[in-house]
Amino acid sequence: MDSKRIVIVNGFSTSMFRNPNFLVVAFRRITPEEVQQQLAENREVISYVRHQGTVDVLKRIIPQINVNAGVYEYAEGDVIIMAVLATPARGVEVANPDIILYQIIPHRLE
């Protein structure tokens, strides 16, 4: 049975997939409204965002998001949403940052 989870991440790694061989991944920029539509259509939201400041910003779009330092592993049917800062900044708090949202769409070539 396919998963109906929305998974929120703030980066991409091939380690998200058990076997990344022959895997093609597309990134599609999406709007906050599209994310909210996905939220209305799916049952469970799981966050893999570790930084509280990023979670606080994302709560404007995804109220049910929480900090989670776990390791994500893709399950068939997951809707993966990647949220990144429009202007990356390391080691500093960003006041009212702009967030860019992408849907990560994996496809296995077999």
Protein backbone atom coordinates (compact mmCIF):
# COMPACT_ATOMS: atom_id res chain seq x y z
CA MET A 1 0.00 0.00 0.00
CA ASP A 2 1.34 3.44 -0.91
CA SER A 3 2.17 5.89 1.83
CA LYS A 4 0.17 9.10 2.06
CA ARG A 5 2.72 11.05 4.07
CA ILE A 6 3.96 14.54 3.46
CA VAL A 7 7.60 14.64 4.43
CA ILE A 8 9.24 18.02 5.06
CA VAL A 9 13.03 18.24 4.62
CA ASN A 10 15.43 21.15 4.33
CA GLY A 11 17.98 19.49 2.07
CA PHE A 12 18.48 16.57 -0.29
CA SER A 13 20.70 13.51 0.01
CA THR A 14 20.85 10.24 -1.90
CA SER A 15 20.89 8.55 1.52
CA MET A 16 17.14 9.24 1.65
CA PHE A 17 16.78 6.25 -0.66
CA ARG A 18 17.70 2.64 0.19
CA ASN A 19 19.02 2.04 -3.29
CA PRO A 20 19.73 5.18 -5.32
CA ASN A 21 20.94 3.18 -8.36
CA PHE A 22 18.95 4.05 -11.48
CA LEU A 23 17.07 6.75 -9.60
CA VAL A 24 16.15 10.00 -11.32
CA VAL A 25 15.04 12.85 -9.10
CA ALA A 26 13.20 15.97 -10.26
CA PHE A 27 12.82 19.16 -8.23
CA ARG A 28 9.68 21.20 -8.92
CA ARG A 29 9.32 24.61 -7.34
CA ILE A 30 5.93 24.89 -5.64
CA THR A 31 3.94 27.58 -3.88
CA PRO A 32 2.77 27.65 -0.26
CA GLU A 33 -0.77 27.21 -1.63
CA GLU A 34 0.25 23.97 -3.36
CA VAL A 35 1.73 22.71 -0.09
CA GLN A 36 -1.51 23.56 1.71
CA GLN A 37 -3.45 21.67 -0.97
CA GLN A 38 -1.20 18.64 -0.41
CA LEU A 39 -1.84 18.96 3.33
CA ALA A 40 -5.58 18.81 2.69
CA GLU A 41 -5.18 15.63 0.60
CA ASN A 42 -2.80 13.67 2.81
CA ARG A 43 -3.06 12.21 6.29
CA GLU A 44 0.29 12.51 8.00
CA VAL A 45 2.96 15.22 8.09
CA ILE A 46 6.47 14.28 9.18
CA SER A 47 9.22 16.85 9.54
CA TYR A 48 12.94 16.16 9.25
CA VAL A 49 13.91 19.78 9.89
CA ARG A 50 16.34 20.11 12.80
CA HIS A 51 16.55 23.88 13.19
CA GLN A 52 13.91 25.53 15.39
CA GLY A 53 14.17 28.87 13.54
CA THR A 54 13.40 27.19 10.21
CA VAL A 55 10.49 25.29 11.77
CA ASP A 56 9.12 28.55 13.19
CA VAL A 57 9.13 30.10 9.69
CA LEU A 58 7.57 26.98 8.13
CA LYS A 59 4.74 26.97 10.70
CA ARG A 60 3.22 29.86 8.72
CA ILE A 61 2.63 27.38 5.89
CA ILE A 62 2.58 24.03 7.70
CA PRO A 63 1.15 24.52 11.22
CA GLN A 64 1.69 20.89 12.25
CA ILE A 65 5.48 20.90 11.62
CA ASN A 66 7.86 20.20 14.52
CA VAL A 67 11.62 19.91 15.00
CA ASN A 68 12.89 16.41 14.25
CA ALA A 69 16.54 15.32 14.16
CA GLY A 70 15.68 11.88 12.76
CA VAL A 71 16.99 10.37 9.53
CA TYR A 72 14.51 10.26 6.65
CA GLU A 73 14.14 7.17 4.48
CA TYR A 74 11.82 7.34 1.46
CA ALA A 75 8.70 5.17 1.44
CA GLU A 76 6.79 4.60 -1.80
CA GLY A 77 4.12 7.28 -2.16
CA ASP A 78 5.75 9.87 0.10
CA VAL A 79 5.24 13.47 -0.98
CA ILE A 80 8.60 15.09 -0.24
CA ILE A 81 8.63 18.85 0.26
CA MET A 82 12.03 20.55 0.55
CA ALA A 83 12.15 24.00 2.15
CA VAL A 84 15.29 26.10 1.73
CA LEU A 85 16.21 29.67 2.55
CA ALA A 86 16.13 31.97 -0.47
CA THR A 87 19.41 33.46 0.79
CA PRO A 88 21.44 30.81 2.61
CA ALA A 89 23.01 31.88 5.90
CA ARG A 90 25.09 29.66 8.17
CA GLY A 91 25.47 30.19 11.87
CA VAL A 92 23.21 33.24 12.13
CA GLU A 93 19.53 33.74 12.81
CA VAL A 94 17.73 35.24 9.83
CA ALA A 95 14.94 37.70 10.53
CA ASN A 96 11.81 36.96 8.48
CA PRO A 97 13.56 34.83 5.83
CA ASP A 98 12.09 33.98 2.47
CA ILE A 99 11.59 30.25 2.00
CA ILE A 100 11.67 28.48 -1.36
CA LEU A 101 9.67 25.26 -1.58
CA TYR A 102 10.35 22.34 -3.90
CA GLN A 103 8.60 19.04 -4.35
CA ILE A 104 11.17 16.26 -4.76
CA ILE A 105 9.86 13.71 -7.24
CA PRO A 106 11.81 10.42 -7.41
CA HIS A 107 11.46 8.04 -10.33
CA ARG A 108 13.24 4.71 -10.64
CA LEU A 109 14.49 3.62 -14.06
CA GLU A 110 14.09 -0.13 -14.36
